[in-house]
Amino acid sequence: MKRFRFARGRALLGVVLAATAACARYNPDPFPPPVSSGVLMAVGPGRTWNAVIAFVDARSLPVVEADASMGSIVTYWIDFFPGEIEPGTMADCESPVGDAVSPVRARFEFVVSPRGSRATMRVRSQWQRAATDHEMEGTRVIAGYVNCVSTGKWEKEAETYIRRLTGELG
């Protein structure tokens, strides 16, 4: 009888742990502080949220987490290849002396919060430059990533585009 209770208790513990793991939220490294405090929209949170969703869809940004009840969307890391964007205008990424243009990646967060009958929208980005370890037969081996500091340009462009989608900026 004791053996049966012990086995049943372990089985129950396993089920509880599995359920807890399944409910765990995606929790990546935190974003750096925002470059602005956000934008007070002329429209409500529902309309702002729909505009953010439309922006994310139009840019084909891969979403890792979207929570309408929290008003938050977080994207996966997006790799930008040399020449695809001008990283110096989006983020300040120090490059080692003699290093060619390193690949850059970014991820984005959009937060929509109610503020009376209006909404506040905040856009944050995190940029990183590939840190190369060495070259192997002409191919650069990426050893990791180095954090960059956002210039705020991407966030401002995203905010302007989303405000246009709400009809706020003709």
C-alpha atoms as a PDB file:
ATOM      1  CA  MET A   1       0.000   0.000   0.000  1.00  0.00           C
ATOM      2  CA  LYS A   2       2.826   2.429   0.867  1.00  0.00           C
ATOM      3  CA  ARG A   3       4.568   1.707  -2.414  1.00  0.00           C
ATOM      4  CA  PHE A   4       1.354   2.488  -4.336  1.00  0.00           C
ATOM      5  CA  ARG A   5       0.900   5.876  -2.560  1.00  0.00           C
ATOM      6  CA  PHE A   6       4.537   6.811  -3.203  1.00  0.00           C
ATOM      7  CA  ALA A   7       4.275   5.930  -6.917  1.00  0.00           C
ATOM      8  CA  ARG A   8       0.978   7.793  -7.223  1.00  0.00           C
ATOM      9  CA  GLY A   9       2.513  10.833  -5.473  1.00  0.00           C
ATOM     10  CA  ARG A  10       5.484  10.849  -7.859  1.00  0.00           C
ATOM     11  CA  ALA A  11       3.146  10.536 -10.838  1.00  0.00           C
ATOM     12  CA  LEU A  12       1.063  13.467  -9.574  1.00  0.00           C
ATOM     13  CA  LEU A  13       4.206  15.532  -9.027  1.00  0.00           C
ATOM     14  CA  GLY A  14       5.291  14.748 -12.609  1.00  0.00           C
ATOM     15  CA  VAL A  15       1.927  15.876 -13.987  1.00  0.00           C
ATOM     16  CA  VAL A  16       2.060  19.135 -11.974  1.00  0.00           C
ATOM     17  CA  LEU A  17       5.626  19.879 -13.126  1.00  0.00           C
ATOM     18  CA  ALA A  18       4.736  19.157 -16.767  1.00  0.00           C
ATOM     19  CA  ALA A  19       1.676  21.426 -16.562  1.00  0.00           C
ATOM     20  CA  THR A  20       3.747  24.189 -14.955  1.00  0.00           C
ATOM     21  CA  ALA A  21       6.419  23.934 -17.649  1.00  0.00           C
ATOM     22  CA  ALA A  22       3.774  24.046 -20.380  1.00  0.00           C
ATOM     23  CA  CYS A  23       2.317  27.260 -18.927  1.00  0.00           C
ATOM     24  CA  ALA A  24       5.654  29.032 -18.535  1.00  0.00           C
ATOM     25  CA  ARG A  25       5.863  32.279 -20.501  1.00  0.00           C
ATOM     26  CA  TYR A  26       8.582  33.011 -23.013  1.00  0.00           C
ATOM     27  CA  ASN A  27      11.025  35.140 -21.034  1.00  0.00           C
ATOM     28  CA  PRO A  28      14.090  36.173 -23.049  1.00  0.00           C
ATOM     29  CA  ASP A  29      16.737  38.611 -21.932  1.00  0.00           C
ATOM     30  CA  PRO A  30      15.148  41.964 -21.058  1.00  0.00           C
ATOM     31  CA  PHE A  31      15.071  44.742 -23.605  1.00  0.00           C
ATOM     32  CA  PRO A  32      17.307  47.746 -23.007  1.00  0.00           C
ATOM     33  CA  PRO A  33      15.580  50.891 -21.698  1.00  0.00           C
ATOM     34  CA  PRO A  34      13.337  52.592 -24.270  1.00  0.00           C
ATOM     35  CA  VAL A  35      14.728  55.525 -26.228  1.00  0.00           C
ATOM     36  CA  SER A  36      11.444  57.400 -25.711  1.00  0.00           C
ATOM     37  CA  SER A  37       8.624  57.289 -23.180  1.00  0.00           C
ATOM     38  CA  GLY A  38       6.123  56.308 -25.868  1.00  0.00           C
ATOM     39  CA  VAL A  39       3.431  58.052 -27.851  1.00  0.00           C
ATOM     40  CA  LEU A  40       0.030  59.171 -26.562  1.00  0.00           C
ATOM     41  CA  MET A  41      -2.324  58.115 -29.333  1.00  0.00           C
ATOM     42  CA  ALA A  42      -5.450  60.014 -30.348  1.00  0.00           C
ATOM     43  CA  VAL A  43      -7.353  56.716 -30.569  1.00  0.00           C
ATOM     44  CA  GLY A  44      -8.182  53.985 -28.064  1.00  0.00           C
ATOM     45  CA  PRO A  45      -6.211  50.867 -27.190  1.00  0.00           C
ATOM     46  CA  GLY A  46      -8.264  48.530 -29.427  1.00  0.00           C
ATOM     47  CA  ARG A  47      -7.645  50.555 -32.556  1.00  0.00           C
ATOM     48  CA  THR A  48      -3.980  51.076 -31.644  1.00  0.00           C
ATOM     49  CA  TRP A  49      -3.532  47.319 -31.007  1.00  0.00           C
ATOM     50  CA  ASN A  50      -5.051  46.520 -34.431  1.00  0.00           C
ATOM     51  CA  ALA A  51      -2.677  49.011 -36.077  1.00  0.00           C
ATOM     52  CA  VAL A  52       0.320  47.427 -34.331  1.00  0.00           C
ATOM     53  CA  ILE A  53      -0.799  43.978 -35.554  1.00  0.00           C
ATOM     54  CA  ALA A  54      -1.158  45.373 -39.097  1.00  0.00           C
ATOM     55  CA  PHE A  55       2.345  46.888 -38.895  1.00  0.00           C
ATOM     56  CA  VAL A  56       3.877  43.610 -37.691  1.00  0.00           C
ATOM     57  CA  ASP A  57       2.081  41.727 -40.507  1.00  0.00           C
ATOM     58  CA  ALA A  58       3.104  44.280 -43.160  1.00  0.00           C
ATOM     59  CA  ARG A  59       6.768  43.962 -42.139  1.00  0.00           C
ATOM     60  CA  SER A  60       6.511  40.146 -41.821  1.00  0.00           C
ATOM     61  CA  LEU A  61       8.039  40.325 -38.359  1.00  0.00           C
ATOM     62  CA  PRO A  62       8.167  36.855 -36.763  1.00  0.00           C
ATOM     63  CA  VAL A  63       6.243  36.998 -33.483  1.00  0.00           C
ATOM     64  CA  VAL A  64       7.383  34.974 -30.492  1.00  0.00           C
ATOM     65  CA  GLU A  65       4.770  36.343 -28.092  1.00  0.00           C
ATOM     66  CA  ALA A  66       1.563  38.304 -28.583  1.00  0.00           C
ATOM     67  CA  ASP A  67      -0.648  38.966 -25.582  1.00  0.00           C
ATOM     68  CA  ALA A  68      -3.615  41.228 -26.256  1.00  0.00           C
ATOM     69  CA  SER A  69      -4.608  41.276 -22.567  1.00  0.00           C
ATOM     70  CA  MET A  70      -1.166  42.704 -21.701  1.00  0.00           C
ATOM     71  CA  GLY A  71      -0.967  44.771 -24.900  1.00  0.00           C
ATOM     72  CA  SER A  72       2.431  43.297 -25.761  1.00  0.00           C
ATOM     73  CA  ILE A  73       4.044  41.854 -28.886  1.00  0.00           C
ATOM     74  CA  VAL A  74       7.642  40.587 -28.952  1.00  0.00           C
ATOM     75  CA  THR A  75       9.395  39.381 -32.103  1.00  0.00           C
ATOM     76  CA  TYR A  76      12.066  36.769 -32.625  1.00  0.00           C
ATOM     77  CA  TRP A  77      15.570  37.896 -33.571  1.00  0.00           C
ATOM     78  CA  ILE A  78      15.682  39.007 -37.211  1.00  0.00           C
ATOM     79  CA  ASP A  79      18.983  38.694 -39.065  1.00  0.00           C
ATOM     80  CA  PHE A  80      19.893  41.525 -41.424  1.00  0.00           C
ATOM     81  CA  PHE A  81      22.597  40.740 -43.925  1.00  0.00           C
ATOM     82  CA  PRO A  82      25.356  43.194 -44.877  1.00  0.00           C
ATOM     83  CA  GLY A  83      23.875  45.760 -47.247  1.00  0.00           C
ATOM     84  CA  GLU A  84      20.244  44.960 -46.323  1.00  0.00           C
ATOM     85  CA  ILE A  85      20.048  47.879 -43.872  1.00  0.00           C
ATOM     86  CA  GLU A  86      22.449  50.581 -42.804  1.00  0.00           C
ATOM     87  CA  PRO A  87      23.095  49.484 -39.212  1.00  0.00           C
ATOM     88  CA  GLY A  88      24.795  52.757 -38.273  1.00  0.00           C
ATOM     89  CA  THR A  89      21.531  54.668 -38.723  1.00  0.00           C
ATOM     90  CA  MET A  90      19.508  52.243 -36.565  1.00  0.00           C
ATOM     91  CA  ALA A  91      22.040  51.440 -33.857  1.00  0.00           C
ATOM     92  CA  ASP A  92      25.481  52.368 -32.683  1.00  0.00           C
ATOM     93  CA  CYS A  93      27.491  49.158 -33.038  1.00  0.00           C
ATOM     94  CA  GLU A  94      31.180  49.475 -32.340  1.00  0.00           C
ATOM     95  CA  SER A  95      33.197  47.366 -34.772  1.00  0.00           C
ATOM     96  CA  PRO A  96      36.675  46.045 -34.134  1.00  0.00           C
ATOM     97  CA  VAL A  97      39.433  47.729 -36.136  1.00  0.00           C
ATOM     98  CA  GLY A  98      39.863  46.062 -39.512  1.00  0.00           C
ATOM     99  CA  ASP A  99      36.527  44.221 -39.244  1.00  0.00           C
ATOM    100  CA  ALA A 100      34.392  44.233 -42.365  1.00  0.00           C
ATOM    101  CA  VAL A 101      30.697  44.936 -41.952  1.00  0.00           C
ATOM    102  CA  SER A 102      29.404  42.318 -39.538  1.00  0.00           C
ATOM    103  CA  PRO A 103      25.899  40.881 -39.775  1.00  0.00           C
ATOM    104  CA  VAL A 104      23.403  42.642 -37.520  1.00  0.00           C
ATOM    105  CA  ARG A 105      20.272  41.291 -35.874  1.00  0.00           C
ATOM    106  CA  ALA A 106      17.385  42.902 -34.023  1.00  0.00           C
ATOM    107  CA  ARG A 107      14.236  42.078 -32.122  1.00  0.00           C
ATOM    108  CA  PHE A 108      11.324  44.357 -31.352  1.00  0.00           C
ATOM    109  CA  GLU A 109       8.722  44.925 -28.663  1.00  0.00           C
ATOM    110  CA  PHE A 110       5.442  46.816 -28.990  1.00  0.00           C
ATOM    111  CA  VAL A 111       3.409  47.740 -25.901  1.00  0.00           C
ATOM    112  CA  VAL A 112      -0.064  49.291 -26.009  1.00  0.00           C
ATOM    113  CA  SER A 113      -1.491  50.563 -22.704  1.00  0.00           C
ATOM    114  CA  PRO A 114      -4.890  52.151 -22.054  1.00  0.00           C
ATOM    115  CA  ARG A 115      -4.890  55.757 -20.891  1.00  0.00           C
ATOM    116  CA  GLY A 116      -8.453  56.839 -20.343  1.00  0.00           C
ATOM    117  CA  SER A 117     -10.235  56.630 -23.692  1.00  0.00           C
ATOM    118  CA  ARG A 118      -6.881  56.849 -25.488  1.00  0.00           C
ATOM    119  CA  ALA A 119      -3.815  54.626 -25.635  1.00  0.00           C
ATOM    120  CA  THR A 120      -0.103  54.931 -25.037  1.00  0.00           C
ATOM    121  CA  MET A 121       2.132  53.015 -27.438  1.00  0.00           C
ATOM    122  CA  ARG A 122       5.794  52.234 -26.836  1.00  0.00           C
ATOM    123  CA  VAL A 123       8.158  50.620 -29.347  1.00  0.00           C
ATOM    124  CA  ARG A 124      11.521  49.201 -28.262  1.00  0.00           C
ATOM    125  CA  SER A 125      14.267  47.541 -30.243  1.00  0.00           C
ATOM    126  CA  GLN A 126      17.365  45.604 -29.340  1.00  0.00           C
ATOM    127  CA  TRP A 127      20.199  45.485 -31.859  1.00  0.00           C
ATOM    128  CA  GLN A 128      23.244  43.235 -31.855  1.00  0.00           C
ATOM    129  CA  ARG A 129      26.312  42.886 -34.085  1.00  0.00           C
ATOM    130  CA  ALA A 130      27.846  39.512 -34.806  1.00  0.00           C
ATOM    131  CA  ALA A 131      31.157  39.004 -33.055  1.00  0.00           C
ATOM    132  CA  THR A 132      33.369  36.934 -35.306  1.00  0.00           C
ATOM    133  CA  ASP A 133      35.821  34.524 -33.779  1.00  0.00           C
ATOM    134  CA  HIS A 134      37.991  33.804 -36.807  1.00  0.00           C
ATOM    135  CA  GLU A 135      37.875  33.118 -40.504  1.00  0.00           C
ATOM    136  CA  MET A 136      37.845  29.570 -41.799  1.00  0.00           C
ATOM    137  CA  GLU A 137      38.606  29.172 -45.509  1.00  0.00           C
ATOM    138  CA  GLY A 138      37.204  32.620 -46.250  1.00  0.00           C
ATOM    139  CA  THR A 139      34.064  32.066 -44.167  1.00  0.00           C
ATOM    140  CA  ARG A 140      33.590  34.118 -41.040  1.00  0.00           C
ATOM    141  CA  VAL A 141      32.610  32.121 -37.980  1.00  0.00           C
ATOM    142  CA  ILE A 142      30.176  33.891 -35.688  1.00  0.00           C
ATOM    143  CA  ALA A 143      31.210  33.402 -32.061  1.00  0.00           C
ATOM    144  CA  GLY A 144      28.336  35.332 -30.497  1.00  0.00           C
ATOM    145  CA  TYR A 145      26.742  38.757 -30.507  1.00  0.00           C
ATOM    146  CA  VAL A 146      27.624  42.134 -29.028  1.00  0.00           C
ATOM    147  CA  ASN A 147      24.867  44.510 -27.896  1.00  0.00           C
ATOM    148  CA  CYS A 148      24.474  47.797 -29.737  1.00  0.00           C
ATOM    149  CA  VAL A 149      22.749  51.006 -28.619  1.00  0.00           C
ATOM    150  CA  SER A 150      19.626  51.980 -30.539  1.00  0.00           C
ATOM    151  CA  THR A 151      19.603  55.422 -32.159  1.00  0.00           C
ATOM    152  CA  GLY A 152      15.805  55.559 -31.876  1.00  0.00           C
ATOM    153  CA  LYS A 153      15.360  55.902 -35.640  1.00  0.00           C
ATOM    154  CA  TRP A 154      13.652  52.520 -36.141  1.00  0.00           C
ATOM    155  CA  GLU A 155      11.322  53.113 -33.189  1.00  0.00           C
ATOM    156  CA  LYS A 156      10.345  56.574 -34.499  1.00  0.00           C
ATOM    157  CA  GLU A 157       9.658  55.198 -38.000  1.00  0.00           C
ATOM    158  CA  ALA A 158       7.536  52.385 -36.540  1.00  0.00           C
ATOM    159  CA  GLU A 159       5.549  54.813 -34.363  1.00  0.00           C
ATOM    160  CA  THR A 160       4.889  57.103 -37.342  1.00  0.00           C
ATOM    161  CA  TYR A 161       3.768  54.181 -39.548  1.00  0.00           C
ATOM    162  CA  ILE A 162       1.438  52.846 -36.834  1.00  0.00           C
ATOM    163  CA  ARG A 163      -0.031  56.317 -36.241  1.00  0.00           C
ATOM    164  CA  ARG A 164      -0.776  56.523 -39.983  1.00  0.00           C
ATOM    165  CA  LEU A 165      -2.518  53.132 -39.831  1.00  0.00           C
ATOM    166  CA  THR A 166      -4.858  54.428 -37.096  1.00  0.00           C
ATOM    167  CA  GLY A 167      -5.737  57.422 -39.271  1.00  0.00           C
ATOM    168  CA  GLU A 168      -4.135  59.780 -36.776  1.00  0.00           C
ATOM    169  CA  LEU A 169      -1.613  61.121 -39.310  1.00  0.00           C
ATOM    170  CA  GLY A 170      -3.401  61.505 -42.634  1.00  0.00           C
END
